[in-house]
PDB file of N, CA and C in Angstrom:
ATOM      1  N   UNK A   1      -8.685 -17.431   7.376  1.00  0.00           N
ATOM      2  CA  UNK A   1      -8.641 -16.389   6.512  1.00  0.00           C
ATOM      3  C   UNK A   1      -8.514 -15.608   6.755  1.00  0.00           C
ATOM      4  N   UNK A   2      -6.966 -14.841   5.942  1.00  0.00           N
ATOM      5  CA  UNK A   2      -6.730 -13.681   5.938  1.00  0.00           C
ATOM      6  C   UNK A   2      -7.096 -12.142   4.782  1.00  0.00           C
ATOM      7  N   UNK A   3      -7.531 -11.462   5.308  1.00  0.00           N
ATOM      8  CA  UNK A   3      -8.459 -10.535   4.851  1.00  0.00           C
ATOM      9  C   UNK A   3      -7.112  -8.849   4.721  1.00  0.00           C
ATOM     10  N   UNK A   4      -6.931  -8.777   3.426  1.00  0.00           N
ATOM     11  CA  UNK A   4      -6.824  -6.799   2.940  1.00  0.00           C
ATOM     12  C   UNK A   4      -7.209  -5.889   2.624  1.00  0.00           C
ATOM     13  N   UNK A   5      -8.562  -5.025   3.236  1.00  0.00           N
ATOM     14  CA  UNK A   5      -9.673  -4.671   3.180  1.00  0.00           C
ATOM     15  C   UNK A   5      -8.367  -2.981   2.864  1.00  0.00           C
ATOM     16  N   UNK A   6      -8.824  -2.275   1.390  1.00  0.00           N
ATOM     17  CA  UNK A   6      -8.499  -0.980   0.789  1.00  0.00           C
ATOM     18  C   UNK A   6      -8.974  -0.147   1.039  1.00  0.00           C
ATOM     19  N   UNK A   7      -8.743   1.208   1.544  1.00  0.00           N
ATOM     20  CA  UNK A   7      -9.752   2.266   1.583  1.00  0.00           C
ATOM     21  C   UNK A   7      -8.835   3.581   1.295  1.00  0.00           C
ATOM     22  N   UNK A   8      -9.677   5.180   1.180  1.00  0.00           N
ATOM     23  CA  UNK A   8      -8.970   5.874   0.572  1.00  0.00           C
ATOM     24  C   UNK A   8      -9.322   6.555  -0.782  1.00  0.00           C
ATOM     25  N   UNK A   9      -8.522   5.048  -2.007  1.00  0.00           N
ATOM     26  CA  UNK A   9      -8.984   6.086  -3.448  1.00  0.00           C
ATOM     27  C   UNK A   9     -10.094   7.045  -3.597  1.00  0.00           C
ATOM     28  N   UNK A  10      -9.806   7.389  -4.962  1.00  0.00           N
ATOM     29  CA  UNK A  10     -10.621   8.348  -4.908  1.00  0.00           C
ATOM     30  C   UNK A  10     -10.147   9.539  -6.784  1.00  0.00           C
ATOM     31  N   UNK A  11     -10.617  10.767  -6.680  1.00  0.00           N
ATOM     32  CA  UNK A  11      -9.967  11.336  -7.412  1.00  0.00           C
ATOM     33  C   UNK A  11      -9.452  12.452  -7.479  1.00  0.00           C
ATOM     34  N   UNK A  12      -8.271  13.335  -7.880  1.00  0.00           N
ATOM     35  CA  UNK A  12      -7.994  14.476  -7.124  1.00  0.00           C
ATOM     36  C   UNK A  12      -7.075  15.030  -8.215  1.00  0.00           C
ATOM     37  N   UNK A  13      -6.984  16.199  -7.973  1.00  0.00           N
ATOM     38  CA  UNK A  13      -6.392  16.818  -9.169  1.00  0.00           C
ATOM     39  C   UNK A  13      -5.040  16.806  -8.700  1.00  0.00           C
ATOM     40  N   UNK A  14      -4.085  17.272 -10.074  1.00  0.00           N
ATOM     41  CA  UNK A  14      -2.581  17.520  -9.417  1.00  0.00           C
ATOM     42  C   UNK A  14      -2.191  18.148  -9.002  1.00  0.00           C
ATOM     43  N   UNK A  15      -1.319  17.888  -7.928  1.00  0.00           N
ATOM     44  CA  UNK A  15      -0.486  19.025  -6.927  1.00  0.00           C
ATOM     45  C   UNK A  15      -1.526  18.445  -5.638  1.00  0.00           C
ATOM     46  N   UNK A  16      -2.484  17.685  -5.612  1.00  0.00           N
ATOM     47  CA  UNK A  16      -3.523  17.646  -4.568  1.00  0.00           C
ATOM     48  C   UNK A  16      -2.624  16.532  -3.720  1.00  0.00           C
ATOM     49  N   UNK A  17      -3.636  15.634  -2.568  1.00  0.00           N
ATOM     50  CA  UNK A  17      -2.705  14.845  -1.976  1.00  0.00           C
ATOM     51  C   UNK A  17      -4.192  13.841  -1.444  1.00  0.00           C
ATOM     52  N   UNK A  18      -4.186  12.129  -1.492  1.00  0.00           N
ATOM     53  CA  UNK A  18      -4.768  10.987  -1.097  1.00  0.00           C
ATOM     54  C   UNK A  18      -3.788  10.464  -0.341  1.00  0.00           C
ATOM     55  N   UNK A  19      -4.871  10.070   0.850  1.00  0.00           N
ATOM     56  CA  UNK A  19      -3.786   8.953   1.763  1.00  0.00           C
ATOM     57  C   UNK A  19      -5.432   7.820   2.026  1.00  0.00           C
ATOM     58  N   UNK A  20      -4.389   6.594   1.119  1.00  0.00           N
ATOM     59  CA  UNK A  20      -4.892   5.234   1.504  1.00  0.00           C
ATOM     60  C   UNK A  20      -4.491   4.611   2.826  1.00  0.00           C
ATOM     61  N   UNK A  21      -5.081   3.960   3.219  1.00  0.00           N
ATOM     62  CA  UNK A  21      -5.141   3.042   4.075  1.00  0.00           C
ATOM     63  C   UNK A  21      -5.732   1.267   4.127  1.00  0.00           C
ATOM     64  N   UNK A  22      -4.905   0.703   4.333  1.00  0.00           N
ATOM     65  CA  UNK A  22      -5.073  -0.671   4.297  1.00  0.00           C
ATOM     66  C   UNK A  22      -5.208  -1.653   5.635  1.00  0.00           C
ATOM     67  N   UNK A  23      -6.090  -2.244   5.882  1.00  0.00           N
ATOM     68  CA  UNK A  23      -6.385  -3.166   6.938  1.00  0.00           C
ATOM     69  C   UNK A  23      -5.740  -4.039   6.803  1.00  0.00           C
ATOM     70  N   UNK A  24      -5.381  -5.369   7.718  1.00  0.00           N
ATOM     71  CA  UNK A  24      -5.198  -6.725   7.364  1.00  0.00           C
ATOM     72  C   UNK A  24      -6.169  -7.400   8.688  1.00  0.00           C
ATOM     73  N   UNK A  25      -6.924  -8.390   8.646  1.00  0.00           N
ATOM     74  CA  UNK A  25      -7.666  -9.309   9.990  1.00  0.00           C
ATOM     75  C   UNK A  25      -7.919 -10.442   9.226  1.00  0.00           C
ATOM     76  N   UNK A  26      -8.329 -11.017  10.354  1.00  0.00           N
ATOM     77  CA  UNK A  26      -8.498 -12.944   9.954  1.00  0.00           C
ATOM     78  C   UNK A  26      -7.314 -13.647  10.990  1.00  0.00           C
ATOM     79  N   UNK A  27      -6.777 -14.884  10.334  1.00  0.00           N
ATOM     80  CA  UNK A  27      -6.085 -15.497  11.279  1.00  0.00           C
ATOM     81  C   UNK A  27      -4.681 -14.715  10.986  1.00  0.00           C
ATOM     82  N   UNK A  28      -4.107 -13.949  11.909  1.00  0.00           N
ATOM     83  CA  UNK A  28      -3.047 -13.333  11.707  1.00  0.00           C
ATOM     84  C   UNK A  28      -1.869 -13.966  12.919  1.00  0.00           C
ATOM     85  N   UNK A  29      -1.208 -14.164  12.444  1.00  0.00           N
ATOM     86  CA  UNK A  29      -0.029 -14.735  13.898  1.00  0.00           C
ATOM     87  C   UNK A  29       0.492 -13.312  14.091  1.00  0.00           C
ATOM     88  N   UNK A  30       1.543 -13.375  12.700  1.00  0.00           N
ATOM     89  CA  UNK A  30       2.545 -11.945  12.637  1.00  0.00           C
ATOM     90  C   UNK A  30       2.091 -11.780  11.160  1.00  0.00           C
ATOM     91  N   UNK A  31       2.873 -10.206  10.964  1.00  0.00           N
ATOM     92  CA  UNK A  31       3.343  -9.250   9.451  1.00  0.00           C
ATOM     93  C   UNK A  31       4.369  -9.359   9.533  1.00  0.00           C
ATOM     94  N   UNK A  32       5.211  -8.972   8.528  1.00  0.00           N
ATOM     95  CA  UNK A  32       6.551  -8.984   8.687  1.00  0.00           C
ATOM     96  C   UNK A  32       7.068  -7.689   7.277  1.00  0.00           C
ATOM     97  N   UNK A  33       6.913  -8.134   6.483  1.00  0.00           N
ATOM     98  CA  UNK A  33       6.434  -6.473   5.221  1.00  0.00           C
ATOM     99  C   UNK A  33       5.168  -6.056   5.102  1.00  0.00           C
ATOM    100  N   UNK A  34       4.700  -4.690   5.480  1.00  0.00           N
ATOM    101  CA  UNK A  34       3.412  -4.298   4.563  1.00  0.00           C
ATOM    102  C   UNK A  34       3.954  -3.468   3.480  1.00  0.00           C
ATOM    103  N   UNK A  35       3.141  -3.262   2.311  1.00  0.00           N
ATOM    104  CA  UNK A  35       3.379  -1.850   1.137  1.00  0.00           C
ATOM    105  C   UNK A  35       2.317  -1.357   0.188  1.00  0.00           C
ATOM    106  N   UNK A  36       2.233  -1.154  -0.692  1.00  0.00           N
ATOM    107  CA  UNK A  36       1.806  -0.885  -1.699  1.00  0.00           C
ATOM    108  C   UNK A  36       2.732  -0.927  -3.216  1.00  0.00           C
ATOM    109  N   UNK A  37       1.593  -1.416  -3.842  1.00  0.00           N
ATOM    110  CA  UNK A  37       1.803  -1.474  -5.493  1.00  0.00           C
ATOM    111  C   UNK A  37       1.119  -0.775  -5.803  1.00  0.00           C
ATOM    112  N   UNK A  38       1.147  -0.768  -7.581  1.00  0.00           N
ATOM    113  CA  UNK A  38       0.066  -0.017  -7.992  1.00  0.00           C
ATOM    114  C   UNK A  38       0.616  -0.801  -9.794  1.00  0.00           C
ATOM    115  N   UNK A  39      -0.969  -0.467 -10.093  1.00  0.00           N
ATOM    116  CA  UNK A  39      -0.943  -0.974 -11.569  1.00  0.00           C
ATOM    117  C   UNK A  39      -1.550   0.534 -13.135  1.00  0.00           C
ATOM    118  N   UNK A  40      -1.070   1.126 -13.289  1.00  0.00           N
ATOM    119  CA  UNK A  40      -1.652   2.056 -14.257  1.00  0.00           C
ATOM    120  C   UNK A  40      -1.982   1.596 -15.862  1.00  0.00           C
ATOM    121  N   UNK A  41      -3.196   1.901 -16.438  1.00  0.00           N
ATOM    122  CA  UNK A  41      -3.401   1.381 -17.726  1.00  0.00           C
ATOM    123  C   UNK A  41      -2.336   1.195 -18.855  1.00  0.00           C
ATOM    124  N   UNK A  42      -2.146  -0.138 -19.069  1.00  0.00           N
ATOM    125  CA  UNK A  42      -1.156  -0.787 -20.032  1.00  0.00           C
ATOM    126  C   UNK A  42       0.366  -1.247 -19.271  1.00  0.00           C
ATOM    127  N   UNK A  43       0.031  -0.483 -17.901  1.00  0.00           N
ATOM    128  CA  UNK A  43       1.770  -0.945 -17.594  1.00  0.00           C
ATOM    129  C   UNK A  43       1.951  -1.784 -16.811  1.00  0.00           C
ATOM    130  N   UNK A  44       2.815  -3.033 -15.675  1.00  0.00           N
ATOM    131  CA  UNK A  44       3.462  -3.831 -15.367  1.00  0.00           C
ATOM    132  C   UNK A  44       2.893  -3.524 -13.555  1.00  0.00           C
ATOM    133  N   UNK A  45       2.709  -3.965 -12.727  1.00  0.00           N
ATOM    134  CA  UNK A  45       1.783  -3.590 -11.328  1.00  0.00           C
ATOM    135  C   UNK A  45       3.764  -3.121 -11.471  1.00  0.00           C
ATOM    136  N   UNK A  46       4.085  -1.978 -10.149  1.00  0.00           N
ATOM    137  CA  UNK A  46       5.149  -1.516 -10.027  1.00  0.00           C
ATOM    138  C   UNK A  46       5.551  -0.862  -8.030  1.00  0.00           C
ATOM    139  N   UNK A  47       6.668  -1.461  -7.729  1.00  0.00           N
ATOM    140  CA  UNK A  47       6.516  -1.048  -5.886  1.00  0.00           C
ATOM    141  C   UNK A  47       6.130  -0.099  -6.444  1.00  0.00           C
ATOM    142  N   UNK A  48       4.935   0.481  -4.670  1.00  0.00           N
ATOM    143  CA  UNK A  48       5.016   2.307  -4.597  1.00  0.00           C
ATOM    144  C   UNK A  48       6.090   2.130  -3.403  1.00  0.00           C
ATOM    145  N   UNK A  49       5.644   1.747  -1.944  1.00  0.00           N
ATOM    146  CA  UNK A  49       6.322   1.453  -0.988  1.00  0.00           C
ATOM    147  C   UNK A  49       6.260   0.202   0.019  1.00  0.00           C
ATOM    148  N   UNK A  50       7.856  -0.149   0.479  1.00  0.00           N
ATOM    149  CA  UNK A  50       7.345  -0.946   1.507  1.00  0.00           C
ATOM    150  C   UNK A  50       7.477  -0.609   2.700  1.00  0.00           C
ATOM    151  N   UNK A  51       7.095  -1.496   3.640  1.00  0.00           N
ATOM    152  CA  UNK A  51       7.881  -1.087   5.210  1.00  0.00           C
ATOM    153  C   UNK A  51       7.814  -2.354   6.128  1.00  0.00           C
ATOM    154  N   UNK A  52       8.796  -2.415   6.492  1.00  0.00           N
ATOM    155  CA  UNK A  52       8.928  -3.521   7.616  1.00  0.00           C
ATOM    156  C   UNK A  52       8.927  -2.956   8.752  1.00  0.00           C
ATOM    157  N   UNK A  53      10.221  -1.172   9.287  1.00  0.00           N
ATOM    158  CA  UNK A  53      10.496  -1.263  10.009  1.00  0.00           C
ATOM    159  C   UNK A  53       9.725   0.237  10.787  1.00  0.00           C
ATOM    160  N   UNK A  54      10.610   1.169  10.931  1.00  0.00           N
ATOM    161  CA  UNK A  54      10.646   2.252  10.611  1.00  0.00           C
ATOM    162  C   UNK A  54      11.977   2.026  10.193  1.00  0.00           C
ATOM    163  N   UNK A  55      12.844   1.673  10.207  1.00  0.00           N
ATOM    164  CA  UNK A  55      14.220   1.868   9.926  1.00  0.00           C
ATOM    165  C   UNK A  55      14.639   1.017   8.541  1.00  0.00           C
ATOM    166  N   UNK A  56      13.303   0.690   8.133  1.00  0.00           N
ATOM    167  CA  UNK A  56      13.108  -0.584   7.410  1.00  0.00           C
ATOM    168  C   UNK A  56      11.909  -0.600   6.149  1.00  0.00           C
ATOM    169  N   UNK A  57      12.398   1.261   5.237  1.00  0.00           N
ATOM    170  CA  UNK A  57      11.785   1.570   3.950  1.00  0.00           C
ATOM    171  C   UNK A  57      11.499   1.959   3.101  1.00  0.00           C
ATOM    172  N   UNK A  58      11.206   1.179   2.160  1.00  0.00           N
ATOM    173  CA  UNK A  58      11.900   1.286   0.428  1.00  0.00           C
ATOM    174  C   UNK A  58      10.693   2.391  -0.405  1.00  0.00           C
ATOM    175  N   UNK A  59      10.940   3.232  -1.177  1.00  0.00           N
ATOM    176  CA  UNK A  59      10.229   3.719  -2.235  1.00  0.00           C
ATOM    177  C   UNK A  59      10.570   3.076  -3.889  1.00  0.00           C
ATOM    178  N   UNK A  60       9.359   3.611  -4.937  1.00  0.00           N
ATOM    179  CA  UNK A  60      10.106   3.620  -5.508  1.00  0.00           C
ATOM    180  C   UNK A  60      10.264   5.129  -6.252  1.00  0.00           C
ATOM    181  N   UNK A  61      11.151   4.801  -6.888  1.00  0.00           N
ATOM    182  CA  UNK A  61      11.884   5.948  -7.535  1.00  0.00           C
ATOM    183  C   UNK A  61      11.355   6.876  -8.144  1.00  0.00           C
ATOM    184  N   UNK A  62       9.636   6.567  -8.517  1.00  0.00           N
ATOM    185  CA  UNK A  62       9.084   8.006  -8.602  1.00  0.00           C
ATOM    186  C   UNK A  62       8.312   8.349  -8.096  1.00  0.00           C
ATOM    187  N   UNK A  63       8.132   7.807  -6.506  1.00  0.00           N
ATOM    188  CA  UNK A  63       7.194   8.586  -5.444  1.00  0.00           C
ATOM    189  C   UNK A  63       8.130   8.759  -4.472  1.00  0.00           C
ATOM    190  N   UNK A  64       9.507   8.923  -4.430  1.00  0.00           N
ATOM    191  CA  UNK A  64      11.001   9.762  -3.474  1.00  0.00           C
ATOM    192  C   UNK A  64      10.222  11.136  -3.261  1.00  0.00           C
ATOM    193  N   UNK A  65      10.000  11.097  -2.135  1.00  0.00           N
ATOM    194  CA  UNK A  65       9.934  12.784  -1.765  1.00  0.00           C
ATOM    195  C   UNK A  65       8.308  13.372  -1.492  1.00  0.00           C
ATOM    196  N   UNK A  66       7.357  12.215  -2.717  1.00  0.00           N
ATOM    197  CA  UNK A  66       5.806  13.141  -2.142  1.00  0.00           C
ATOM    198  C   UNK A  66       4.957  11.783  -1.433  1.00  0.00           C
ATOM    199  N   UNK A  67       5.813  10.664  -1.410  1.00  0.00           N
ATOM    200  CA  UNK A  67       4.253   9.396  -0.585  1.00  0.00           C
ATOM    201  C   UNK A  67       5.029   9.189   0.302  1.00  0.00           C
ATOM    202  N   UNK A  68       4.357   8.684   1.796  1.00  0.00           N
ATOM    203  CA  UNK A  68       5.459   8.625   2.739  1.00  0.00           C
ATOM    204  C   UNK A  68       4.841   7.063   3.625  1.00  0.00           C
ATOM    205  N   UNK A  69       4.847   6.166   3.299  1.00  0.00           N
ATOM    206  CA  UNK A  69       4.050   5.319   3.666  1.00  0.00           C
ATOM    207  C   UNK A  69       4.634   4.818   5.557  1.00  0.00           C
ATOM    208  N   UNK A  70       3.586   4.028   6.248  1.00  0.00           N
ATOM    209  CA  UNK A  70       3.093   4.476   7.801  1.00  0.00           C
ATOM    210  C   UNK A  70       2.796   2.666   8.154  1.00  0.00           C
ATOM    211  N   UNK A  71       3.119   2.194   9.698  1.00  0.00           N
ATOM    212  CA  UNK A  71       2.232   1.788   9.969  1.00  0.00           C
ATOM    213  C   UNK A  71       2.075   1.364  11.275  1.00  0.00           C
ATOM    214  N   UNK A  72       0.882   0.570  11.925  1.00  0.00           N
ATOM    215  CA  UNK A  72       0.844   0.296  13.332  1.00  0.00           C
ATOM    216  C   UNK A  72       0.391  -0.857  13.539  1.00  0.00           C
ATOM    217  N   UNK A  73       1.412  -1.407  13.979  1.00  0.00           N
ATOM    218  CA  UNK A  73       1.334  -2.827  14.275  1.00  0.00           C
ATOM    219  C   UNK A  73       0.682  -2.965  15.258  1.00  0.00           C
ATOM    220  N   UNK A  74      -0.716  -2.292  15.876  1.00  0.00           N
ATOM    221  CA  UNK A  74      -0.581  -2.533  17.007  1.00  0.00           C
ATOM    222  C   UNK A  74      -2.655  -3.341  16.165  1.00  0.00           C
ATOM    223  N   UNK A  75      -2.614  -2.310  14.611  1.00  0.00           N
ATOM    224  CA  UNK A  75      -3.951  -2.447  14.461  1.00  0.00           C
ATOM    225  C   UNK A  75      -3.692  -3.281  12.605  1.00  0.00           C
ATOM    226  N   UNK A  76      -2.786  -3.821  12.930  1.00  0.00           N
ATOM    227  CA  UNK A  76      -2.200  -4.403  11.550  1.00  0.00           C
ATOM    228  C   UNK A  76      -3.184  -3.677  10.627  1.00  0.00           C
ATOM    229  N   UNK A  77      -2.682  -2.331  10.539  1.00  0.00           N
ATOM    230  CA  UNK A  77      -2.391  -1.412   8.849  1.00  0.00           C
ATOM    231  C   UNK A  77      -1.564  -0.400   8.815  1.00  0.00           C
ATOM    232  N   UNK A  78      -1.466  -0.161   7.777  1.00  0.00           N
ATOM    233  CA  UNK A  78      -0.548   0.692   6.271  1.00  0.00           C
ATOM    234  C   UNK A  78      -1.163   1.372   5.944  1.00  0.00           C
ATOM    235  N   UNK A  79      -0.009   2.349   5.927  1.00  0.00           N
ATOM    236  CA  UNK A  79      -1.277   3.853   4.765  1.00  0.00           C
ATOM    237  C   UNK A  79      -0.358   4.254   4.695  1.00  0.00           C
ATOM    238  N   UNK A  80      -0.001   4.649   3.228  1.00  0.00           N
ATOM    239  CA  UNK A  80       0.497   6.071   2.064  1.00  0.00           C
ATOM    240  C   UNK A  80       0.045   7.336   1.945  1.00  0.00           C
ATOM    241  N   UNK A  81       0.896   8.139   2.453  1.00  0.00           N
ATOM    242  CA  UNK A  81      -0.130   9.704   2.538  1.00  0.00           C
ATOM    243  C   UNK A  81       0.621  10.063   0.820  1.00  0.00           C
ATOM    244  N   UNK A  82      -0.121  10.075  -0.100  1.00  0.00           N
ATOM    245  CA  UNK A  82       0.127  10.956  -1.022  1.00  0.00           C
ATOM    246  C   UNK A  82       0.565  11.753  -1.046  1.00  0.00           C
ATOM    247  N   UNK A  83       1.519  12.899  -1.657  1.00  0.00           N
ATOM    248  CA  UNK A  83       0.837  14.648  -1.606  1.00  0.00           C
ATOM    249  C   UNK A  83       1.759  14.716  -3.068  1.00  0.00           C
ATOM    250  N   UNK A  84       1.660  16.080  -3.664  1.00  0.00           N
ATOM    251  CA  UNK A  84       1.741  16.432  -4.614  1.00  0.00           C
ATOM    252  C   UNK A  84       1.894  15.480  -6.139  1.00  0.00           C
ATOM    253  N   UNK A  85       0.249  14.729  -6.135  1.00  0.00           N
ATOM    254  CA  UNK A  85      -0.064  13.790  -7.054  1.00  0.00           C
ATOM    255  C   UNK A  85       0.575  14.591  -7.974  1.00  0.00           C
ATOM    256  N   UNK A  86       0.621  13.523  -9.498  1.00  0.00           N
ATOM    257  CA  UNK A  86       0.734  13.739 -11.076  1.00  0.00           C
ATOM    258  C   UNK A  86      -0.251  12.787 -11.554  1.00  0.00           C
ATOM    259  N   UNK A  87      -0.981  13.326 -12.915  1.00  0.00           N
ATOM    260  CA  UNK A  87      -1.537  12.566 -13.434  1.00  0.00           C
ATOM    261  C   UNK A  87      -0.709  10.526 -13.928  1.00  0.00           C
ATOM    262  N   UNK A  88       0.608  10.799 -13.847  1.00  0.00           N
ATOM    263  CA  UNK A  88       1.351   9.574 -14.377  1.00  0.00           C
ATOM    264  C   UNK A  88       0.606   8.736 -12.599  1.00  0.00           C
ATOM    265  N   UNK A  89       0.449   9.465 -11.896  1.00  0.00           N
ATOM    266  CA  UNK A  89       0.471   8.142 -10.020  1.00  0.00           C
ATOM    267  C   UNK A  89      -1.055   8.099 -10.569  1.00  0.00           C
ATOM    268  N   UNK A  90      -1.563   7.956 -11.964  1.00  0.00           N
ATOM    269  CA  UNK A  90      -3.531   7.134 -11.557  1.00  0.00           C
ATOM    270  C   UNK A  90      -2.909   5.874 -12.046  1.00  0.00           C
ATOM    271  N   UNK A  91      -3.736   5.235 -11.461  1.00  0.00           N
ATOM    272  CA  UNK A  91      -3.493   3.829 -11.244  1.00  0.00           C
ATOM    273  C   UNK A  91      -4.170   3.571 -10.190  1.00  0.00           C
ATOM    274  N   UNK A  92      -4.497   1.694 -10.256  1.00  0.00           N
ATOM    275  CA  UNK A  92      -5.438   0.789  -8.854  1.00  0.00           C
ATOM    276  C   UNK A  92      -3.639   1.082  -7.922  1.00  0.00           C
ATOM    277  N   UNK A  93      -4.048   0.987  -7.070  1.00  0.00           N
ATOM    278  CA  UNK A  93      -3.308   0.703  -6.025  1.00  0.00           C
ATOM    279  C   UNK A  93      -3.204  -0.660  -5.057  1.00  0.00           C
ATOM    280  N   UNK A  94      -2.650  -1.652  -4.758  1.00  0.00           N
ATOM    281  CA  UNK A  94      -2.789  -3.046  -4.090  1.00  0.00           C
ATOM    282  C   UNK A  94      -2.174  -2.808  -2.890  1.00  0.00           C
ATOM    283  N   UNK A  95      -2.630  -3.106  -1.753  1.00  0.00           N
ATOM    284  CA  UNK A  95      -2.059  -3.467  -0.614  1.00  0.00           C
ATOM    285  C   UNK A  95      -1.871  -4.999  -1.167  1.00  0.00           C
ATOM    286  N   UNK A  96      -0.184  -4.973  -0.176  1.00  0.00           N
ATOM    287  CA  UNK A  96       0.745  -6.297   0.032  1.00  0.00           C
ATOM    288  C   UNK A  96       1.093  -5.824   1.590  1.00  0.00           C
ATOM    289  N   UNK A  97       1.038  -7.329   2.125  1.00  0.00           N
ATOM    290  CA  UNK A  97       0.862  -7.922   3.394  1.00  0.00           C
ATOM    291  C   UNK A  97       1.796  -9.558   3.311  1.00  0.00           C
ATOM    292  N   UNK A  98       2.834  -9.744   3.726  1.00  0.00           N
ATOM    293  CA  UNK A  98       3.709 -11.142   4.200  1.00  0.00           C
ATOM    294  C   UNK A  98       3.283 -11.701   5.282  1.00  0.00           C
ATOM    295  N   UNK A  99       2.280 -12.805   5.271  1.00  0.00           N
ATOM    296  CA  UNK A  99       1.802 -12.459   6.723  1.00  0.00           C
ATOM    297  C   UNK A  99       1.962 -14.156   7.093  1.00  0.00           C
ATOM    298  N   UNK A 100       2.158 -14.144   8.173  1.00  0.00           N
ATOM    299  CA  UNK A 100       2.056 -15.708   8.871  1.00  0.00           C
ATOM    300  C   UNK A 100       1.104 -16.219   9.842  1.00  0.00           C
ATOM    301  N   UNK A 101       0.028 -17.090   8.995  1.00  0.00           N
ATOM    302  CA  UNK A 101      -1.505 -16.933   9.361  1.00  0.00           C
ATOM    303  C   UNK A 101      -0.571 -17.374  11.275  1.00  0.00           C
ATOM    304  N   UNK A 102      -0.307 -19.004  11.149  1.00  0.00           N
ATOM    305  CA  UNK A 102       0.450 -19.414  12.643  1.00  0.00           C
ATOM    306  C   UNK A 102       1.529 -19.546  12.868  1.00  0.00           C
ATOM    307  N   UNK A 103       1.940 -19.591  14.022  1.00  0.00           N
ATOM    308  CA  UNK A 103       3.028 -20.361  14.555  1.00  0.00           C
ATOM    309  C   UNK A 103       4.215 -21.007  13.938  1.00  0.00           C
ATOM    310  N   UNK A 104       5.461 -20.883  13.037  1.00  0.00           N
ATOM    311  CA  UNK A 104       5.776 -22.196  12.951  1.00  0.00           C
ATOM    312  C   UNK A 104       5.374 -22.153  11.048  1.00  0.00           C
ATOM    313  N   UNK A 105       4.526 -21.480  11.251  1.00  0.00           N
ATOM    314  CA  UNK A 105       4.644 -21.547   9.541  1.00  0.00           C
ATOM    315  C   UNK A 105       5.372 -21.027   8.460  1.00  0.00           C
ATOM    316  N   UNK A 106       5.516 -20.828   7.200  1.00  0.00           N
ATOM    317  CA  UNK A 106       6.045 -19.323   6.849  1.00  0.00           C
ATOM    318  C   UNK A 106       5.361 -18.961   6.249  1.00  0.00           C
ATOM    319  N   UNK A 107       5.608 -17.618   5.928  1.00  0.00           N
ATOM    320  CA  UNK A 107       4.920 -16.513   5.627  1.00  0.00           C
ATOM    321  C   UNK A 107       4.469 -16.362   3.964  1.00  0.00           C
ATOM    322  N   UNK A 108       3.466 -15.667   4.271  1.00  0.00           N
ATOM    323  CA  UNK A 108       2.946 -15.966   2.706  1.00  0.00           C
ATOM    324  C   UNK A 108       2.489 -14.827   1.995  1.00  0.00           C
ATOM    325  N   UNK A 109       2.669 -13.977   0.701  1.00  0.00           N
ATOM    326  CA  UNK A 109       2.003 -12.497   0.542  1.00  0.00           C
ATOM    327  C   UNK A 109       0.573 -12.489   0.255  1.00  0.00           C
ATOM    328  N   UNK A 110      -0.053 -11.534   0.516  1.00  0.00           N
ATOM    329  CA  UNK A 110      -1.475 -11.683   0.249  1.00  0.00           C
ATOM    330  C   UNK A 110      -1.901 -10.258   0.354  1.00  0.00           C
ATOM    331  N   UNK A 111      -2.411 -10.116  -0.938  1.00  0.00           N
ATOM    332  CA  UNK A 111      -3.063  -8.811  -1.738  1.00  0.00           C
ATOM    333  C   UNK A 111      -4.887  -8.250  -1.589  1.00  0.00           C
ATOM    334  N   UNK A 112      -4.995  -6.597  -1.203  1.00  0.00           N
ATOM    335  CA  UNK A 112      -5.682  -6.978  -1.287  1.00  0.00           C
ATOM    336  C   UNK A 112      -7.275  -6.546  -2.748  1.00  0.00           C
ATOM    337  N   UNK A 113      -7.703  -6.228  -2.724  1.00  0.00           N
ATOM    338  CA  UNK A 113      -8.563  -5.939  -3.975  1.00  0.00           C
ATOM    339  C   UNK A 113      -8.111  -4.922  -5.070  1.00  0.00           C
ATOM    340  N   UNK A 114      -7.173  -3.815  -4.341  1.00  0.00           N
ATOM    341  CA  UNK A 114      -7.599  -2.912  -5.143  1.00  0.00           C
ATOM    342  C   UNK A 114      -8.290  -1.631  -4.904  1.00  0.00           C
ATOM    343  N   UNK A 115      -7.547  -0.361  -5.346  1.00  0.00           N
ATOM    344  CA  UNK A 115      -8.294   1.215  -4.451  1.00  0.00           C
ATOM    345  C   UNK A 115      -7.893   1.932  -6.143  1.00  0.00           C
ATOM    346  N   UNK A 116      -8.632   2.565  -6.764  1.00  0.00           N
ATOM    347  CA  UNK A 116      -8.458   3.641  -7.876  1.00  0.00           C
ATOM    348  C   UNK A 116      -7.857   4.646  -7.366  1.00  0.00           C
ATOM    349  N   UNK A 117      -6.958   5.691  -7.688  1.00  0.00           N
ATOM    350  CA  UNK A 117      -6.564   6.291  -7.921  1.00  0.00           C
ATOM    351  C   UNK A 117      -6.266   7.062  -9.031  1.00  0.00           C
ATOM    352  N   UNK A 118      -7.129   8.011  -8.443  1.00  0.00           N
ATOM    353  CA  UNK A 118      -7.290   9.486 -10.314  1.00  0.00           C
ATOM    354  C   UNK A 118      -6.606  10.141  -9.747  1.00  0.00           C
ATOM    355  N   UNK A 119      -5.724  10.931 -11.471  1.00  0.00           N
ATOM    356  CA  UNK A 119      -5.127  12.179 -10.874  1.00  0.00           C
ATOM    357  C   UNK A 119      -5.583  12.938 -12.270  1.00  0.00           C
ATOM    358  N   UNK A 120      -6.095  13.787 -11.767  1.00  0.00           N
ATOM    359  CA  UNK A 120      -6.918  14.744 -13.126  1.00  0.00           C
ATOM    360  C   UNK A 120      -5.589  15.937 -13.279  1.00  0.00           C
ATOM    361  N   UNK A 121      -5.459  16.303 -14.484  1.00  0.00           N
ATOM    362  CA  UNK A 121      -4.549  17.164 -14.846  1.00  0.00           C
ATOM    363  C   UNK A 121      -4.717  18.686 -15.399  1.00  0.00           C
TER     364      UNK A 121
END
């Protein structure tokens, strides 16, 4: 069984910073992409950032230049450094990973339980 556990959410004032972390554990053979999505009040879930490797990173348009995603393959973790936060960044942030549990299996998408980020104006 695979688990993704997020940490690091909270309340911050506009202009501030937060760092989110996510650790994958359990039956893991390999992990391809890891990333973050978010869902704000009354909005659809949207891409924040994904990473396959240092040469393959994608950011949502609204976070470019403010957020930085990184990954530690040895620890099966992904982090999101969020700077210059705005009230519109308020959302539940979900960790996502494409994980192959056993050699020869197809990868499947796994999700964390979500962590709340609230940015006050």
